[in-house]
């Protein structure tokens, strides 16, 4: 039985769903921060630079988190 899922809508393995990390919420795997937290902060008006500083994320990780949260995969 698989323990980690990498959403097929993303071209890389940056975002993962793993029951052992964040209770199975989708996360940016390298850091363990929930994709929803990243997108919520962007929607609140924070910049990518602020997220990069606070979480140590890369621009690619931020883009992938946003892409995942906007995807139909997330809504399923």
PDB file of N, CA and C in Angstrom:
ATOM      1  N   UNK A   1       0.848  -1.184   0.000  1.00  0.00           N
ATOM      2  CA  UNK A   1       0.000   0.000   0.000  1.00  0.00           C
ATOM      3  C   UNK A   1       0.891   1.244   0.000  1.00  0.00           C
ATOM      4  N   UNK A   2       0.661   2.169  -0.930  1.00  0.00           N
ATOM      5  CA  UNK A   2       1.489   3.380  -0.983  1.00  0.00           C
ATOM      6  C   UNK A   2       1.254   4.247   0.249  1.00  0.00           C
ATOM      7  N   UNK A   3       2.298   4.881   0.683  1.00  0.00           N
ATOM      8  CA  UNK A   3       2.167   5.767   1.834  1.00  0.00           C
ATOM      9  C   UNK A   3       2.319   7.228   1.449  1.00  0.00           C
ATOM     10  N   UNK A   4       2.732   7.492   0.227  1.00  0.00           N
ATOM     11  CA  UNK A   4       2.918   8.876  -0.217  1.00  0.00           C
ATOM     12  C   UNK A   4       2.385   9.012  -1.634  1.00  0.00           C
ATOM     13  N   UNK A   5       1.624  10.052  -1.858  1.00  0.00           N
ATOM     14  CA  UNK A   5       1.051  10.325  -3.170  1.00  0.00           C
ATOM     15  C   UNK A   5       1.633  11.617  -3.708  1.00  0.00           C
ATOM     16  N   UNK A   6       2.084  11.565  -4.939  1.00  0.00           N
ATOM     17  CA  UNK A   6       2.548  12.769  -5.643  1.00  0.00           C
ATOM     18  C   UNK A   6       1.482  13.099  -6.680  1.00  0.00           C
ATOM     19  N   UNK A   7       0.811  14.234  -6.558  1.00  0.00           N
ATOM     20  CA  UNK A   7      -0.264  14.569  -7.489  1.00  0.00           C
ATOM     21  C   UNK A   7       0.205  14.526  -8.945  1.00  0.00           C
ATOM     22  N   UNK A   8      -0.500  13.792  -9.788  1.00  0.00           N
ATOM     23  CA  UNK A   8      -0.087  13.651 -11.182  1.00  0.00           C
ATOM     24  C   UNK A   8      -0.205  14.923 -12.011  1.00  0.00           C
ATOM     25  N   UNK A   9      -0.886  15.929 -11.503  1.00  0.00           N
ATOM     26  CA  UNK A   9      -1.043  17.179 -12.263  1.00  0.00           C
ATOM     27  C   UNK A   9       0.205  18.042 -12.216  1.00  0.00           C
ATOM     28  N   UNK A  10       1.134  17.706 -11.335  1.00  0.00           N
ATOM     29  CA  UNK A  10       2.369  18.475 -11.210  1.00  0.00           C
ATOM     30  C   UNK A  10       3.508  17.717 -11.863  1.00  0.00           C
ATOM     31  N   UNK A  11       4.414  18.455 -12.491  1.00  0.00           N
ATOM     32  CA  UNK A  11       5.507  17.806 -13.216  1.00  0.00           C
ATOM     33  C   UNK A  11       6.661  17.376 -12.316  1.00  0.00           C
ATOM     34  N   UNK A  12       6.650  17.793 -11.073  1.00  0.00           N
ATOM     35  CA  UNK A  12       7.739  17.433 -10.168  1.00  0.00           C
ATOM     36  C   UNK A  12       7.163  16.856  -8.877  1.00  0.00           C
ATOM     37  N   UNK A  13       8.044  16.394  -8.034  1.00  0.00           N
ATOM     38  CA  UNK A  13       7.621  15.815  -6.753  1.00  0.00           C
ATOM     39  C   UNK A  13       7.841  16.808  -5.621  1.00  0.00           C
ATOM     40  N   UNK A  14       7.381  18.003  -5.824  1.00  0.00           N
ATOM     41  CA  UNK A  14       7.517  19.055  -4.820  1.00  0.00           C
ATOM     42  C   UNK A  14       6.385  18.976  -3.809  1.00  0.00           C
ATOM     43  N   UNK A  15       5.183  18.698  -4.279  1.00  0.00           N
ATOM     44  CA  UNK A  15       4.005  18.587  -3.419  1.00  0.00           C
ATOM     45  C   UNK A  15       3.701  17.109  -3.219  1.00  0.00           C
ATOM     46  N   UNK A  16       3.403  16.752  -1.968  1.00  0.00           N
ATOM     47  CA  UNK A  16       3.072  15.360  -1.666  1.00  0.00           C
ATOM     48  C   UNK A  16       1.942  15.298  -0.654  1.00  0.00           C
ATOM     49  N   UNK A  17       1.247  14.165  -0.684  1.00  0.00           N
ATOM     50  CA  UNK A  17       0.227  13.859   0.313  1.00  0.00           C
ATOM     51  C   UNK A  17       0.707  12.594   1.010  1.00  0.00           C
ATOM     52  N   UNK A  18       0.976  12.730   2.293  1.00  0.00           N
ATOM     53  CA  UNK A  18       1.557  11.624   3.055  1.00  0.00           C
ATOM     54  C   UNK A  18       0.875  11.600   4.416  1.00  0.00           C
ATOM     55  N   UNK A  19       0.280  10.474   4.803  1.00  0.00           N
ATOM     56  CA  UNK A  19      -0.420  10.430   6.091  1.00  0.00           C
ATOM     57  C   UNK A  19       0.498  10.661   7.295  1.00  0.00           C
ATOM     58  N   UNK A  20       1.788  10.540   7.108  1.00  0.00           N
ATOM     59  CA  UNK A  20       2.735  10.750   8.199  1.00  0.00           C
ATOM     60  C   UNK A  20       3.218  12.190   8.317  1.00  0.00           C
ATOM     61  N   UNK A  21       2.779  13.049   7.402  1.00  0.00           N
ATOM     62  CA  UNK A  21       3.178  14.463   7.417  1.00  0.00           C
ATOM     63  C   UNK A  21       1.912  15.312   7.407  1.00  0.00           C
ATOM     64  N   UNK A  22       1.765  16.172   8.382  1.00  0.00           N
ATOM     65  CA  UNK A  22       0.636  17.120   8.457  1.00  0.00           C
ATOM     66  C   UNK A  22      -0.720  16.425   8.363  1.00  0.00           C
ATOM     67  N   UNK A  23      -0.821  15.238   8.942  1.00  0.00           N
ATOM     68  CA  UNK A  23      -2.073  14.479   8.968  1.00  0.00           C
ATOM     69  C   UNK A  23      -2.639  14.220   7.574  1.00  0.00           C
ATOM     70  N   UNK A  24      -1.763  14.093   6.591  1.00  0.00           N
ATOM     71  CA  UNK A  24      -2.195  13.786   5.235  1.00  0.00           C
ATOM     72  C   UNK A  24      -2.594  14.986   4.396  1.00  0.00           C
ATOM     73  N   UNK A  25      -2.419  16.176   4.916  1.00  0.00           N
ATOM     74  CA  UNK A  25      -2.707  17.364   4.107  1.00  0.00           C
ATOM     75  C   UNK A  25      -1.621  17.511   3.043  1.00  0.00           C
ATOM     76  N   UNK A  26      -1.954  18.064   1.898  1.00  0.00           N
ATOM     77  CA  UNK A  26      -0.940  18.304   0.867  1.00  0.00           C
ATOM     78  C   UNK A  26       0.092  19.312   1.377  1.00  0.00           C
ATOM     79  N   UNK A  27       1.353  18.981   1.201  1.00  0.00           N
ATOM     80  CA  UNK A  27       2.431  19.836   1.689  1.00  0.00           C
ATOM     81  C   UNK A  27       3.514  20.016   0.638  1.00  0.00           C
ATOM     82  N   UNK A  28       4.272  21.097   0.799  1.00  0.00           N
ATOM     83  CA  UNK A  28       5.523  21.249   0.064  1.00  0.00           C
ATOM     84  C   UNK A  28       6.488  20.332   0.812  1.00  0.00           C
ATOM     85  N   UNK A  29       6.863  19.250   0.186  1.00  0.00           N
ATOM     86  CA  UNK A  29       7.539  18.154   0.863  1.00  0.00           C
ATOM     87  C   UNK A  29       8.845  18.540   1.548  1.00  0.00           C
ATOM     88  N   UNK A  30       9.663  19.331   0.915  1.00  0.00           N
ATOM     89  CA  UNK A  30      10.972  19.674   1.481  1.00  0.00           C
ATOM     90  C   UNK A  30      10.843  20.388   2.821  1.00  0.00           C
ATOM     91  N   UNK A  31       9.814  21.189   2.991  1.00  0.00           N
ATOM     92  CA  UNK A  31       9.647  21.997   4.187  1.00  0.00           C
ATOM     93  C   UNK A  31       8.556  21.445   5.113  1.00  0.00           C
ATOM     94  N   UNK A  32       7.548  20.805   4.524  1.00  0.00           N
ATOM     95  CA  UNK A  32       6.434  20.286   5.317  1.00  0.00           C
ATOM     96  C   UNK A  32       5.330  21.283   5.569  1.00  0.00           C
ATOM     97  N   UNK A  33       5.353  22.409   4.868  1.00  0.00           N
ATOM     98  CA  UNK A  33       4.315  23.424   5.035  1.00  0.00           C
ATOM     99  C   UNK A  33       3.146  23.091   4.103  1.00  0.00           C
ATOM    100  N   UNK A  34       1.936  23.233   4.622  1.00  0.00           N
ATOM    101  CA  UNK A  34       0.741  22.920   3.842  1.00  0.00           C
ATOM    102  C   UNK A  34       0.603  23.848   2.644  1.00  0.00           C
ATOM    103  N   UNK A  35       0.221  23.274   1.514  1.00  0.00           N
ATOM    104  CA  UNK A  35       0.011  24.078   0.308  1.00  0.00           C
ATOM    105  C   UNK A  35      -1.078  25.118   0.550  1.00  0.00           C
ATOM    106  N   UNK A  36      -2.069  24.762   1.322  1.00  0.00           N
ATOM    107  CA  UNK A  36      -3.160  25.700   1.624  1.00  0.00           C
ATOM    108  C   UNK A  36      -2.636  26.911   2.391  1.00  0.00           C
ATOM    109  N   UNK A  37      -1.706  26.711   3.314  1.00  0.00           N
ATOM    110  CA  UNK A  37      -1.130  27.827   4.081  1.00  0.00           C
ATOM    111  C   UNK A  37      -0.401  28.789   3.155  1.00  0.00           C
ATOM    112  N   UNK A  38       0.315  28.249   2.183  1.00  0.00           N
ATOM    113  CA  UNK A  38       1.039  29.087   1.224  1.00  0.00           C
ATOM    114  C   UNK A  38       0.053  29.935   0.423  1.00  0.00           C
ATOM    115  N   UNK A  39      -0.970  29.299  -0.092  1.00  0.00           N
ATOM    116  CA  UNK A  39      -1.940  30.005  -0.929  1.00  0.00           C
ATOM    117  C   UNK A  39      -2.768  30.989  -0.107  1.00  0.00           C
ATOM    118  N   UNK A  40      -3.124  30.623   1.110  1.00  0.00           N
ATOM    119  CA  UNK A  40      -3.876  31.554   1.962  1.00  0.00           C
ATOM    120  C   UNK A  40      -3.086  32.833   2.213  1.00  0.00           C
ATOM    121  N   UNK A  41      -1.797  32.699   2.430  1.00  0.00           N
ATOM    122  CA  UNK A  41      -0.975  33.889   2.672  1.00  0.00           C
ATOM    123  C   UNK A  41      -0.852  34.740   1.415  1.00  0.00           C
ATOM    124  N   UNK A  42      -0.769  34.110   0.255  1.00  0.00           N
ATOM    125  CA  UNK A  42      -0.729  34.864  -0.999  1.00  0.00           C
ATOM    126  C   UNK A  42      -2.055  35.599  -1.202  1.00  0.00           C
ATOM    127  N   UNK A  43      -3.157  34.920  -0.944  1.00  0.00           N
ATOM    128  CA  UNK A  43      -4.476  35.541  -1.082  1.00  0.00           C
ATOM    129  C   UNK A  43      -4.665  36.693  -0.093  1.00  0.00           C
ATOM    130  N   UNK A  44      -3.971  36.634   1.016  1.00  0.00           N
ATOM    131  CA  UNK A  44      -4.044  37.702   2.009  1.00  0.00           C
ATOM    132  C   UNK A  44      -3.165  38.900   1.642  1.00  0.00           C
ATOM    133  N   UNK A  45      -2.444  38.781   0.530  1.00  0.00           N
ATOM    134  CA  UNK A  45      -1.666  39.913   0.051  1.00  0.00           C
ATOM    135  C   UNK A  45      -0.170  39.824   0.289  1.00  0.00           C
ATOM    136  N   UNK A  46       0.293  38.712   0.833  1.00  0.00           N
ATOM    137  CA  UNK A  46       1.733  38.576   1.051  1.00  0.00           C
ATOM    138  C   UNK A  46       2.434  38.250  -0.257  1.00  0.00           C
ATOM    139  N   UNK A  47       3.672  38.629  -0.345  1.00  0.00           N
ATOM    140  CA  UNK A  47       4.440  38.405  -1.570  1.00  0.00           C
ATOM    141  C   UNK A  47       5.203  37.091  -1.501  1.00  0.00           C
ATOM    142  N   UNK A  48       5.653  36.652  -2.666  1.00  0.00           N
ATOM    143  CA  UNK A  48       6.476  35.447  -2.732  1.00  0.00           C
ATOM    144  C   UNK A  48       7.752  35.645  -1.923  1.00  0.00           C
ATOM    145  N   UNK A  49       8.310  36.841  -1.954  1.00  0.00           N
ATOM    146  CA  UNK A  49       9.535  37.123  -1.196  1.00  0.00           C
ATOM    147  C   UNK A  49       9.319  36.921   0.298  1.00  0.00           C
ATOM    148  N   UNK A  50       8.163  37.324   0.808  1.00  0.00           N
ATOM    149  CA  UNK A  50       7.869  37.131   2.233  1.00  0.00           C
ATOM    150  C   UNK A  50       7.764  35.655   2.576  1.00  0.00           C
ATOM    151  N   UNK A  51       7.110  34.897   1.707  1.00  0.00           N
ATOM    152  CA  UNK A  51       6.991  33.454   1.930  1.00  0.00           C
ATOM    153  C   UNK A  51       8.352  32.770   1.852  1.00  0.00           C
ATOM    154  N   UNK A  52       9.165  33.211   0.914  1.00  0.00           N
ATOM    155  CA  UNK A  52      10.503  32.650   0.780  1.00  0.00           C
ATOM    156  C   UNK A  52      11.313  32.894   2.045  1.00  0.00           C
ATOM    157  N   UNK A  53      11.170  34.077   2.601  1.00  0.00           N
ATOM    158  CA  UNK A  53      11.912  34.419   3.816  1.00  0.00           C
ATOM    159  C   UNK A  53      11.373  33.649   5.024  1.00  0.00           C
ATOM    160  N   UNK A  54      10.055  33.610   5.190  1.00  0.00           N
ATOM    161  CA  UNK A  54       9.452  32.972   6.365  1.00  0.00           C
ATOM    162  C   UNK A  54       9.613  31.456   6.381  1.00  0.00           C
ATOM    163  N   UNK A  55       9.400  30.821   5.229  1.00  0.00           N
ATOM    164  CA  UNK A  55       9.406  29.365   5.171  1.00  0.00           C
ATOM    165  C   UNK A  55      10.664  28.772   4.549  1.00  0.00           C
ATOM    166  N   UNK A  56      11.448  29.597   3.887  1.00  0.00           N
ATOM    167  CA  UNK A  56      12.608  29.065   3.176  1.00  0.00           C
ATOM    168  C   UNK A  56      12.219  28.368   1.880  1.00  0.00           C
ATOM    169  N   UNK A  57      11.081  28.759   1.318  1.00  0.00           N
ATOM    170  CA  UNK A  57      10.598  28.175   0.059  1.00  0.00           C
ATOM    171  C   UNK A  57      11.326  28.770  -1.135  1.00  0.00           C
ATOM    172  N   UNK A  58      11.303  28.033  -2.228  1.00  0.00           N
ATOM    173  CA  UNK A  58      11.798  28.566  -3.491  1.00  0.00           C
ATOM    174  C   UNK A  58      10.597  29.051  -4.303  1.00  0.00           C
ATOM    175  N   UNK A  59      10.871  29.842  -5.321  1.00  0.00           N
ATOM    176  CA  UNK A  59       9.770  30.302  -6.191  1.00  0.00           C
ATOM    177  C   UNK A  59       9.064  29.123  -6.854  1.00  0.00           C
ATOM    178  N   UNK A  60       9.809  28.116  -7.227  1.00  0.00           N
ATOM    179  CA  UNK A  60       9.212  26.927  -7.847  1.00  0.00           C
ATOM    180  C   UNK A  60       8.277  26.230  -6.874  1.00  0.00           C
ATOM    181  N   UNK A  61       8.659  26.117  -5.626  1.00  0.00           N
ATOM    182  CA  UNK A  61       7.794  25.474  -4.630  1.00  0.00           C
ATOM    183  C   UNK A  61       6.512  26.269  -4.427  1.00  0.00           C
ATOM    184  N   UNK A  62       6.618  27.579  -4.420  1.00  0.00           N
ATOM    185  CA  UNK A  62       5.429  28.424  -4.281  1.00  0.00           C
ATOM    186  C   UNK A  62       4.513  28.245  -5.485  1.00  0.00           C
ATOM    187  N   UNK A  63       5.092  28.249  -6.679  1.00  0.00           N
ATOM    188  CA  UNK A  63       4.293  28.039  -7.900  1.00  0.00           C
ATOM    189  C   UNK A  63       3.594  26.695  -7.883  1.00  0.00           C
ATOM    190  N   UNK A  64       4.292  25.650  -7.470  1.00  0.00           N
ATOM    191  CA  UNK A  64       3.705  24.312  -7.447  1.00  0.00           C
ATOM    192  C   UNK A  64       2.588  24.216  -6.395  1.00  0.00           C
ATOM    193  N   UNK A  65       2.761  24.854  -5.256  1.00  0.00           N
ATOM    194  CA  UNK A  65       1.710  24.872  -4.227  1.00  0.00           C
ATOM    195  C   UNK A  65       0.464  25.566  -4.765  1.00  0.00           C
ATOM    196  N   UNK A  66       0.657  26.691  -5.426  1.00  0.00           N
ATOM    197  CA  UNK A  66      -0.479  27.418  -6.020  1.00  0.00           C
ATOM    198  C   UNK A  66      -1.147  26.592  -7.101  1.00  0.00           C
ATOM    199  N   UNK A  67      -0.348  25.972  -7.936  1.00  0.00           N
ATOM    200  CA  UNK A  67      -0.906  25.158  -9.020  1.00  0.00           C
ATOM    201  C   UNK A  67      -1.720  23.996  -8.458  1.00  0.00           C
ATOM    202  N   UNK A  68      -1.201  23.357  -7.428  1.00  0.00           N
ATOM    203  CA  UNK A  68      -1.935  22.248  -6.822  1.00  0.00           C
ATOM    204  C   UNK A  68      -3.259  22.727  -6.236  1.00  0.00           C
ATOM    205  N   UNK A  69      -3.239  23.820  -5.496  1.00  0.00           N
ATOM    206  CA  UNK A  69      -4.456  24.311  -4.857  1.00  0.00           C
ATOM    207  C   UNK A  69      -5.509  24.764  -5.865  1.00  0.00           C
ATOM    208  N   UNK A  70      -5.090  25.183  -7.042  1.00  0.00           N
ATOM    209  CA  UNK A  70      -6.042  25.586  -8.094  1.00  0.00           C
ATOM    210  C   UNK A  70      -6.532  24.400  -8.915  1.00  0.00           C
ATOM    211  N   UNK A  71      -5.941  23.257  -8.768  1.00  0.00           N
ATOM    212  CA  UNK A  71      -6.224  22.111  -9.635  1.00  0.00           C
ATOM    213  C   UNK A  71      -7.547  21.423  -9.312  1.00  0.00           C
ATOM    214  N   UNK A  72      -8.044  20.706 -10.304  1.00  0.00           N
ATOM    215  CA  UNK A  72      -9.225  19.868 -10.116  1.00  0.00           C
ATOM    216  C   UNK A  72      -8.902  18.699  -9.200  1.00  0.00           C
ATOM    217  N   UNK A  73      -7.649  18.275  -9.179  1.00  0.00           N
ATOM    218  CA  UNK A  73      -7.211  17.182  -8.304  1.00  0.00           C
ATOM    219  C   UNK A  73      -7.530  17.531  -6.853  1.00  0.00           C
ATOM    220  N   UNK A  74      -7.291  18.765  -6.477  1.00  0.00           N
ATOM    221  CA  UNK A  74      -7.544  19.234  -5.110  1.00  0.00           C
ATOM    222  C   UNK A  74      -9.030  19.198  -4.789  1.00  0.00           C
ATOM    223  N   UNK A  75      -9.860  19.462  -5.754  1.00  0.00           N
ATOM    224  CA  UNK A  75     -11.300  19.554  -5.533  1.00  0.00           C
ATOM    225  C   UNK A  75     -11.979  18.197  -5.526  1.00  0.00           C
ATOM    226  N   UNK A  76     -11.252  17.178  -5.947  1.00  0.00           N
ATOM    227  CA  UNK A  76     -11.850  15.833  -6.031  1.00  0.00           C
ATOM    228  C   UNK A  76     -12.073  15.234  -4.674  1.00  0.00           C
TER     229      UNK A  76
END
